[in-house]
Amino acid sequence: MTRISVDVNDEWLDAARLELGTDTKVATINAALREFALRRRGKEIAKIFASAPMDFSGAAEAWGYGGGRDLEGLAERARENRSA
């Protein structure tokens, strides 16, 4: 762990605490940093999947799903589910 001393906007810290459900300033800052790191990794993974050639022929019949891929929509639905 790295120990730092930094001035933080109290209003933003309180807003982040409420959003993340954390109890302390340290927990809030660490949770926020983790969220951003995971978000970045998720975007990188989504780009990889979006660029990979995939054959969805027969997907609707095999999986009972409309087929195709909607990774942009996947990210949006994840944000909606997190805020619910």
PDB file of N, CA and C in Angstrom:
ATOM      1  N   MET A   1       0.840  -1.185   0.000  1.00  0.00           N
ATOM      2  CA  MET A   1       0.000   0.000   0.000  1.00  0.00           C
ATOM      3  C   MET A   1       0.880   1.242   0.000  1.00  0.00           C
ATOM      4  N   THR A   2       0.413   2.246  -0.661  1.00  0.00           N
ATOM      5  CA  THR A   2       1.087   3.528  -0.687  1.00  0.00           C
ATOM      6  C   THR A   2       0.345   4.481   0.223  1.00  0.00           C
ATOM      7  N   ARG A   3       1.062   5.180   1.040  1.00  0.00           N
ATOM      8  CA  ARG A   3       0.448   6.165   1.932  1.00  0.00           C
ATOM      9  C   ARG A   3       0.660   7.540   1.316  1.00  0.00           C
ATOM     10  N   ILE A   4      -0.450   8.284   1.132  1.00  0.00           N
ATOM     11  CA  ILE A   4      -0.354   9.620   0.555  1.00  0.00           C
ATOM     12  C   ILE A   4      -1.188  10.586   1.380  1.00  0.00           C
ATOM     13  N   SER A   5      -0.853  11.828   1.261  1.00  0.00           N
ATOM     14  CA  SER A   5      -1.635  12.897   1.873  1.00  0.00           C
ATOM     15  C   SER A   5      -2.130  13.771   0.734  1.00  0.00           C
ATOM     16  N   VAL A   6      -3.458  13.925   0.650  1.00  0.00           N
ATOM     17  CA  VAL A   6      -4.022  14.647  -0.473  1.00  0.00           C
ATOM     18  C   VAL A   6      -5.265  15.402  -0.014  1.00  0.00           C
ATOM     19  N   ASP A   7      -5.468  16.587  -0.568  1.00  0.00           N
ATOM     20  CA  ASP A   7      -6.687  17.338  -0.307  1.00  0.00           C
ATOM     21  C   ASP A   7      -7.777  16.799  -1.221  1.00  0.00           C
ATOM     22  N   VAL A   8      -8.938  16.499  -0.644  1.00  0.00           N
ATOM     23  CA  VAL A   8     -10.043  15.912  -1.393  1.00  0.00           C
ATOM     24  C   VAL A   8     -11.276  16.782  -1.209  1.00  0.00           C
ATOM     25  N   ASN A   9     -12.020  16.964  -2.284  1.00  0.00           N
ATOM     26  CA  ASN A   9     -13.267  17.713  -2.233  1.00  0.00           C
ATOM     27  C   ASN A   9     -14.266  16.931  -1.378  1.00  0.00           C
ATOM     28  N   ASP A  10     -14.697  17.504  -0.260  1.00  0.00           N
ATOM     29  CA  ASP A  10     -15.582  16.811   0.676  1.00  0.00           C
ATOM     30  C   ASP A  10     -16.934  16.459   0.066  1.00  0.00           C
ATOM     31  N   GLU A  11     -17.461  17.334  -0.775  1.00  0.00           N
ATOM     32  CA  GLU A  11     -18.755  17.071  -1.407  1.00  0.00           C
ATOM     33  C   GLU A  11     -18.662  15.847  -2.327  1.00  0.00           C
ATOM     34  N   TRP A  12     -17.598  15.772  -3.106  1.00  0.00           N
ATOM     35  CA  TRP A  12     -17.416  14.629  -4.009  1.00  0.00           C
ATOM     36  C   TRP A  12     -17.172  13.353  -3.206  1.00  0.00           C
ATOM     37  N   LEU A  13     -16.415  13.476  -2.129  1.00  0.00           N
ATOM     38  CA  LEU A  13     -16.130  12.315  -1.290  1.00  0.00           C
ATOM     39  C   LEU A  13     -17.421  11.777  -0.672  1.00  0.00           C
ATOM     40  N   ASP A  14     -18.276  12.667  -0.184  1.00  0.00           N
ATOM     41  CA  ASP A  14     -19.556  12.242   0.384  1.00  0.00           C
ATOM     42  C   ASP A  14     -20.443  11.599  -0.671  1.00  0.00           C
ATOM     43  N   ALA A  15     -20.465  12.181  -1.867  1.00  0.00           N
ATOM     44  CA  ALA A  15     -21.269  11.615  -2.955  1.00  0.00           C
ATOM     45  C   ALA A  15     -20.763  10.220  -3.321  1.00  0.00           C
ATOM     46  N   ALA A  16     -19.451  10.063  -3.390  1.00  0.00           N
ATOM     47  CA  ALA A  16     -18.867   8.757  -3.706  1.00  0.00           C
ATOM     48  C   ALA A  16     -19.166   7.757  -2.599  1.00  0.00           C
ATOM     49  N   ARG A  17     -19.099   8.190  -1.353  1.00  0.00           N
ATOM     50  CA  ARG A  17     -19.390   7.313  -0.209  1.00  0.00           C
ATOM     51  C   ARG A  17     -20.816   6.788  -0.299  1.00  0.00           C
ATOM     52  N   LEU A  18     -21.757   7.675  -0.610  1.00  0.00           N
ATOM     53  CA  LEU A  18     -23.151   7.255  -0.741  1.00  0.00           C
ATOM     54  C   LEU A  18     -23.333   6.287  -1.904  1.00  0.00           C
ATOM     55  N   GLU A  19     -22.693   6.570  -3.013  1.00  0.00           N
ATOM     56  CA  GLU A  19     -22.802   5.713  -4.202  1.00  0.00           C
ATOM     57  C   GLU A  19     -22.188   4.339  -3.958  1.00  0.00           C
ATOM     58  N   LEU A  20     -21.049   4.314  -3.285  1.00  0.00           N
ATOM     59  CA  LEU A  20     -20.313   3.073  -3.087  1.00  0.00           C
ATOM     60  C   LEU A  20     -20.728   2.317  -1.825  1.00  0.00           C
ATOM     61  N   GLY A  21     -21.422   3.001  -0.921  1.00  0.00           N
ATOM     62  CA  GLY A  21     -21.852   2.357   0.320  1.00  0.00           C
ATOM     63  C   GLY A  21     -20.717   2.084   1.282  1.00  0.00           C
ATOM     64  N   THR A  22     -19.706   2.940   1.271  1.00  0.00           N
ATOM     65  CA  THR A  22     -18.553   2.760   2.153  1.00  0.00           C
ATOM     66  C   THR A  22     -18.728   3.572   3.429  1.00  0.00           C
ATOM     67  N   ASP A  23     -17.956   3.209   4.446  1.00  0.00           N
ATOM     68  CA  ASP A  23     -18.099   3.838   5.759  1.00  0.00           C
ATOM     69  C   ASP A  23     -17.023   4.866   6.097  1.00  0.00           C
ATOM     70  N   THR A  24     -15.862   4.725   5.483  1.00  0.00           N
ATOM     71  CA  THR A  24     -14.749   5.608   5.823  1.00  0.00           C
ATOM     72  C   THR A  24     -14.204   6.285   4.577  1.00  0.00           C
ATOM     73  N   LYS A  25     -13.429   7.335   4.800  1.00  0.00           N
ATOM     74  CA  LYS A  25     -12.804   8.034   3.679  1.00  0.00           C
ATOM     75  C   LYS A  25     -11.840   7.123   2.940  1.00  0.00           C
ATOM     76  N   VAL A  26     -11.051   6.376   3.692  1.00  0.00           N
ATOM     77  CA  VAL A  26     -10.077   5.472   3.077  1.00  0.00           C
ATOM     78  C   VAL A  26     -10.792   4.418   2.239  1.00  0.00           C
ATOM     79  N   ALA A  27     -11.837   3.822   2.796  1.00  0.00           N
ATOM     80  CA  ALA A  27     -12.585   2.799   2.060  1.00  0.00           C
ATOM     81  C   ALA A  27     -13.227   3.395   0.808  1.00  0.00           C
ATOM     82  N   THR A  28     -13.724   4.615   0.912  1.00  0.00           N
ATOM     83  CA  THR A  28     -14.358   5.269  -0.230  1.00  0.00           C
ATOM     84  C   THR A  28     -13.355   5.517  -1.345  1.00  0.00           C
ATOM     85  N   ILE A  29     -12.208   6.048  -1.006  1.00  0.00           N
ATOM     86  CA  ILE A  29     -11.186   6.334  -2.019  1.00  0.00           C
ATOM     87  C   ILE A  29     -10.700   5.043  -2.666  1.00  0.00           C
ATOM     88  N   ASN A  30     -10.442   4.008  -1.861  1.00  0.00           N
ATOM     89  CA  ASN A  30      -9.987   2.734  -2.423  1.00  0.00           C
ATOM     90  C   ASN A  30     -11.063   2.103  -3.299  1.00  0.00           C
ATOM     91  N   ALA A  31     -12.325   2.161  -2.880  1.00  0.00           N
ATOM     92  CA  ALA A  31     -13.417   1.599  -3.685  1.00  0.00           C
ATOM     93  C   ALA A  31     -13.573   2.360  -5.000  1.00  0.00           C
ATOM     94  N   ALA A  32     -13.448   3.681  -4.951  1.00  0.00           N
ATOM     95  CA  ALA A  32     -13.562   4.479  -6.169  1.00  0.00           C
ATOM     96  C   ALA A  32     -12.437   4.157  -7.145  1.00  0.00           C
ATOM     97  N   LEU A  33     -11.229   4.037  -6.640  1.00  0.00           N
ATOM     98  CA  LEU A  33     -10.099   3.688  -7.500  1.00  0.00           C
ATOM     99  C   LEU A  33     -10.292   2.301  -8.116  1.00  0.00           C
ATOM    100  N   ARG A  34     -10.790   1.365  -7.318  1.00  0.00           N
ATOM    101  CA  ARG A  34     -11.053   0.014  -7.817  1.00  0.00           C
ATOM    102  C   ARG A  34     -12.114   0.048  -8.911  1.00  0.00           C
ATOM    103  N   GLU A  35     -13.185   0.802  -8.702  1.00  0.00           N
ATOM    104  CA  GLU A  35     -14.262   0.907  -9.696  1.00  0.00           C
ATOM    105  C   GLU A  35     -13.722   1.419 -11.031  1.00  0.00           C
ATOM    106  N   PHE A  36     -12.893   2.445 -10.989  1.00  0.00           N
ATOM    107  CA  PHE A  36     -12.351   2.992 -12.227  1.00  0.00           C
ATOM    108  C   PHE A  36     -11.399   2.013 -12.905  1.00  0.00           C
ATOM    109  N   ALA A  37     -10.604   1.307 -12.125  1.00  0.00           N
ATOM    110  CA  ALA A  37      -9.698   0.313 -12.707  1.00  0.00           C
ATOM    111  C   ALA A  37     -10.497  -0.807 -13.370  1.00  0.00           C
ATOM    112  N   LEU A  38     -11.561  -1.273 -12.713  1.00  0.00           N
ATOM    113  CA  LEU A  38     -12.401  -2.322 -13.287  1.00  0.00           C
ATOM    114  C   LEU A  38     -13.133  -1.826 -14.528  1.00  0.00           C
ATOM    115  N   ARG A  39     -13.587  -0.588 -14.491  1.00  0.00           N
ATOM    116  CA  ARG A  39     -14.276  -0.010 -15.648  1.00  0.00           C
ATOM    117  C   ARG A  39     -13.344   0.027 -16.855  1.00  0.00           C
ATOM    118  N   ARG A  40     -12.104   0.426 -16.622  1.00  0.00           N
ATOM    119  CA  ARG A  40     -11.146   0.481 -17.731  1.00  0.00           C
ATOM    120  C   ARG A  40     -10.877  -0.910 -18.281  1.00  0.00           C
ATOM    121  N   ARG A  41     -10.698  -1.870 -17.392  1.00  0.00           N
ATOM    122  CA  ARG A  41     -10.446  -3.238 -17.843  1.00  0.00           C
ATOM    123  C   ARG A  41     -11.652  -3.775 -18.618  1.00  0.00           C
ATOM    124  N   GLY A  42     -12.846  -3.458 -18.141  1.00  0.00           N
ATOM    125  CA  GLY A  42     -14.058  -3.886 -18.838  1.00  0.00           C
ATOM    126  C   GLY A  42     -14.146  -3.310 -20.238  1.00  0.00           C
ATOM    127  N   LYS A  43     -13.792  -2.039 -20.378  1.00  0.00           N
ATOM    128  CA  LYS A  43     -13.802  -1.415 -21.712  1.00  0.00           C
ATOM    129  C   LYS A  43     -12.803  -2.090 -22.636  1.00  0.00           C
ATOM    130  N   GLU A  44     -11.629  -2.436 -22.104  1.00  0.00           N
ATOM    131  CA  GLU A  44     -10.617  -3.112 -22.916  1.00  0.00           C
ATOM    132  C   GLU A  44     -11.115  -4.484 -23.360  1.00  0.00           C
ATOM    133  N   ILE A  45     -11.753  -5.215 -22.453  1.00  0.00           N
ATOM    134  CA  ILE A  45     -12.279  -6.537 -22.786  1.00  0.00           C
ATOM    135  C   ILE A  45     -13.399  -6.415 -23.818  1.00  0.00           C
ATOM    136  N   ALA A  46     -14.280  -5.432 -23.634  1.00  0.00           N
ATOM    137  CA  ALA A  46     -15.380  -5.225 -24.588  1.00  0.00           C
ATOM    138  C   ALA A  46     -14.844  -4.921 -25.985  1.00  0.00           C
ATOM    139  N   LYS A  47     -13.766  -4.129 -26.074  1.00  0.00           N
ATOM    140  CA  LYS A  47     -13.162  -3.830 -27.376  1.00  0.00           C
ATOM    141  C   LYS A  47     -12.626  -5.094 -28.034  1.00  0.00           C
ATOM    142  N   ILE A  48     -12.010  -5.955 -27.243  1.00  0.00           N
ATOM    143  CA  ILE A  48     -11.467  -7.202 -27.782  1.00  0.00           C
ATOM    144  C   ILE A  48     -12.603  -8.063 -28.334  1.00  0.00           C
ATOM    145  N   PHE A  49     -13.663  -8.229 -27.547  1.00  0.00           N
ATOM    146  CA  PHE A  49     -14.796  -9.034 -28.009  1.00  0.00           C
ATOM    147  C   PHE A  49     -15.483  -8.401 -29.214  1.00  0.00           C
ATOM    148  N   ALA A  50     -15.591  -7.088 -29.218  1.00  0.00           N
ATOM    149  CA  ALA A  50     -16.256  -6.405 -30.325  1.00  0.00           C
ATOM    150  C   ALA A  50     -15.484  -6.572 -31.625  1.00  0.00           C
ATOM    151  N   SER A  51     -14.163  -6.736 -31.537  1.00  0.00           N
ATOM    152  CA  SER A  51     -13.352  -6.843 -32.744  1.00  0.00           C
ATOM    153  C   SER A  51     -13.132  -8.288 -33.190  1.00  0.00           C
ATOM    154  N   ALA A  52     -13.477  -9.253 -32.337  1.00  0.00           N
ATOM    155  CA  ALA A  52     -13.243 -10.654 -32.676  1.00  0.00           C
ATOM    156  C   ALA A  52     -14.299 -11.143 -33.668  1.00  0.00           C
ATOM    157  N   PRO A  53     -13.876 -11.839 -34.716  1.00  0.00           N
ATOM    158  CA  PRO A  53     -14.852 -12.380 -35.656  1.00  0.00           C
ATOM    159  C   PRO A  53     -15.654 -13.500 -34.986  1.00  0.00           C
ATOM    160  N   MET A  54     -16.971 -13.399 -35.074  1.00  0.00           N
ATOM    161  CA  MET A  54     -17.836 -14.407 -34.467  1.00  0.00           C
ATOM    162  C   MET A  54     -18.938 -14.782 -35.437  1.00  0.00           C
ATOM    163  N   ASP A  55     -19.265 -16.049 -35.449  1.00  0.00           N
ATOM    164  CA  ASP A  55     -20.325 -16.545 -36.316  1.00  0.00           C
ATOM    165  C   ASP A  55     -21.557 -16.824 -35.453  1.00  0.00           C
ATOM    166  N   PHE A  56     -22.599 -16.036 -35.649  1.00  0.00           N
ATOM    167  CA  PHE A  56     -23.815 -16.193 -34.867  1.00  0.00           C
ATOM    168  C   PHE A  56     -24.916 -16.905 -35.639  1.00  0.00           C
ATOM    169  N   SER A  57     -24.557 -17.495 -36.777  1.00  0.00           N
ATOM    170  CA  SER A  57     -25.589 -18.195 -37.531  1.00  0.00           C
ATOM    171  C   SER A  57     -26.113 -19.354 -36.683  1.00  0.00           C
ATOM    172  N   GLY A  58     -27.406 -19.451 -36.594  1.00  0.00           N
ATOM    173  CA  GLY A  58     -28.037 -20.496 -35.791  1.00  0.00           C
ATOM    174  C   GLY A  58     -28.164 -20.149 -34.318  1.00  0.00           C
ATOM    175  N   ALA A  59     -27.686 -18.973 -33.907  1.00  0.00           N
ATOM    176  CA  ALA A  59     -27.724 -18.605 -32.489  1.00  0.00           C
ATOM    177  C   ALA A  59     -29.154 -18.496 -31.978  1.00  0.00           C
ATOM    178  N   ALA A  60     -30.027 -17.929 -32.795  1.00  0.00           N
ATOM    179  CA  ALA A  60     -31.410 -17.744 -32.360  1.00  0.00           C
ATOM    180  C   ALA A  60     -32.062 -19.085 -32.059  1.00  0.00           C
ATOM    181  N   GLU A  61     -31.802 -20.069 -32.901  1.00  0.00           N
ATOM    182  CA  GLU A  61     -32.395 -21.387 -32.694  1.00  0.00           C
ATOM    183  C   GLU A  61     -31.722 -22.125 -31.537  1.00  0.00           C
ATOM    184  N   ALA A  62     -30.410 -22.033 -31.472  1.00  0.00           N
ATOM    185  CA  ALA A  62     -29.665 -22.789 -30.468  1.00  0.00           C
ATOM    186  C   ALA A  62     -29.869 -22.254 -29.057  1.00  0.00           C
ATOM    187  N   TRP A  63     -29.947 -20.955 -28.922  1.00  0.00           N
ATOM    188  CA  TRP A  63     -30.003 -20.348 -27.603  1.00  0.00           C
ATOM    189  C   TRP A  63     -31.339 -19.670 -27.305  1.00  0.00           C
ATOM    190  N   GLY A  64     -32.209 -19.625 -28.277  1.00  0.00           N
ATOM    191  CA  GLY A  64     -33.478 -18.941 -28.057  1.00  0.00           C
ATOM    192  C   GLY A  64     -33.268 -17.448 -27.878  1.00  0.00           C
ATOM    193  N   TYR A  65     -32.254 -16.934 -28.543  1.00  0.00           N
ATOM    194  CA  TYR A  65     -31.865 -15.532 -28.419  1.00  0.00           C
ATOM    195  C   TYR A  65     -31.786 -14.950 -29.809  1.00  0.00           C
ATOM    196  N   GLY A  66     -31.964 -13.663 -29.928  1.00  0.00           N
ATOM    197  CA  GLY A  66     -31.976 -13.016 -31.229  1.00  0.00           C
ATOM    198  C   GLY A  66     -30.658 -13.026 -31.968  1.00  0.00           C
ATOM    199  N   GLY A  67     -29.592 -13.515 -31.360  1.00  0.00           N
ATOM    200  CA  GLY A  67     -28.292 -13.568 -32.010  1.00  0.00           C
ATOM    201  C   GLY A  67     -27.615 -12.212 -32.023  1.00  0.00           C
ATOM    202  N   GLY A  68     -26.453 -12.151 -32.612  1.00  0.00           N
ATOM    203  CA  GLY A  68     -25.696 -10.907 -32.692  1.00  0.00           C
ATOM    204  C   GLY A  68     -25.013 -10.577 -31.381  1.00  0.00           C
ATOM    205  N   ARG A  69     -24.402  -9.424 -31.372  1.00  0.00           N
ATOM    206  CA  ARG A  69     -23.741  -8.985 -30.135  1.00  0.00           C
ATOM    207  C   ARG A  69     -23.945  -7.497 -29.981  1.00  0.00           C
ATOM    208  N   ASP A  70     -24.208  -7.104 -28.786  1.00  0.00           N
ATOM    209  CA  ASP A  70     -24.449  -5.699 -28.493  1.00  0.00           C
ATOM    210  C   ASP A  70     -23.637  -5.329 -27.255  1.00  0.00           C
ATOM    211  N   LEU A  71     -22.322  -5.216 -27.429  1.00  0.00           N
ATOM    212  CA  LEU A  71     -21.465  -4.922 -26.288  1.00  0.00           C
ATOM    213  C   LEU A  71     -21.648  -3.503 -25.794  1.00  0.00           C
ATOM    214  N   GLU A  72     -22.004  -2.581 -26.677  1.00  0.00           N
ATOM    215  CA  GLU A  72     -22.272  -1.212 -26.247  1.00  0.00           C
ATOM    216  C   GLU A  72     -23.476  -1.215 -25.310  1.00  0.00           C
ATOM    217  N   GLY A  73     -24.513  -1.924 -25.691  1.00  0.00           N
ATOM    218  CA  GLY A  73     -25.713  -2.025 -24.862  1.00  0.00           C
ATOM    219  C   GLY A  73     -25.427  -2.751 -23.559  1.00  0.00           C
ATOM    220  N   LEU A  74     -24.515  -3.712 -23.589  1.00  0.00           N
ATOM    221  CA  LEU A  74     -24.140  -4.447 -22.390  1.00  0.00           C
ATOM    222  C   LEU A  74     -23.566  -3.508 -21.335  1.00  0.00           C
ATOM    223  N   ALA A  75     -22.693  -2.612 -21.747  1.00  0.00           N
ATOM    224  CA  ALA A  75     -22.092  -1.654 -20.817  1.00  0.00           C
ATOM    225  C   ALA A  75     -23.161  -0.729 -20.244  1.00  0.00           C
ATOM    226  N   GLU A  76     -24.079  -0.296 -21.083  1.00  0.00           N
ATOM    227  CA  GLU A  76     -25.147   0.599 -20.621  1.00  0.00           C
ATOM    228  C   GLU A  76     -26.048  -0.114 -19.615  1.00  0.00           C
ATOM    229  N   ARG A  77     -26.408  -1.360 -19.896  1.00  0.00           N
ATOM    230  CA  ARG A  77     -27.257  -2.111 -18.969  1.00  0.00           C
ATOM    231  C   ARG A  77     -26.548  -2.345 -17.645  1.00  0.00           C
ATOM    232  N   ALA A  78     -25.240  -2.563 -17.679  1.00  0.00           N
ATOM    233  CA  ALA A  78     -24.486  -2.755 -16.441  1.00  0.00           C
ATOM    234  C   ALA A  78     -24.514  -1.499 -15.589  1.00  0.00           C
ATOM    235  N   ARG A  79     -24.384  -0.330 -16.232  1.00  0.00           N
ATOM    236  CA  ARG A  79     -24.461   0.932 -15.480  1.00  0.00           C
ATOM    237  C   ARG A  79     -25.845   1.117 -14.882  1.00  0.00           C
ATOM    238  N   GLU A  80     -26.874   0.784 -15.637  1.00  0.00           N
ATOM    239  CA  GLU A  80     -28.255   0.920 -15.133  1.00  0.00           C
ATOM    240  C   GLU A  80     -28.484  -0.015 -13.956  1.00  0.00           C
ATOM    241  N   ASN A  81     -28.023  -1.247 -14.041  1.00  0.00           N
ATOM    242  CA  ASN A  81     -28.206  -2.203 -12.958  1.00  0.00           C
ATOM    243  C   ASN A  81     -27.459  -1.793 -11.699  1.00  0.00           C
ATOM    244  N   ARG A  82     -26.291  -1.176 -11.856  1.00  0.00           N
ATOM    245  CA  ARG A  82     -25.497  -0.757 -10.706  1.00  0.00           C
ATOM    246  C   ARG A  82     -26.177   0.394  -9.966  1.00  0.00           C
ATOM    247  N   SER A  83     -26.844   1.270 -10.708  1.00  0.00           N
ATOM    248  CA  SER A  83     -27.461   2.422 -10.064  1.00  0.00           C
ATOM    249  C   SER A  83     -28.840   2.098  -9.510  1.00  0.00           C
ATOM    250  N   ALA A  84     -29.373   0.947  -9.845  1.00  0.00           N
ATOM    251  CA  ALA A  84     -30.716   0.561  -9.359  1.00  0.00           C
ATOM    252  C   ALA A  84     -30.680   0.119  -7.921  1.00  0.00           C
TER     253      ALA A  84
END
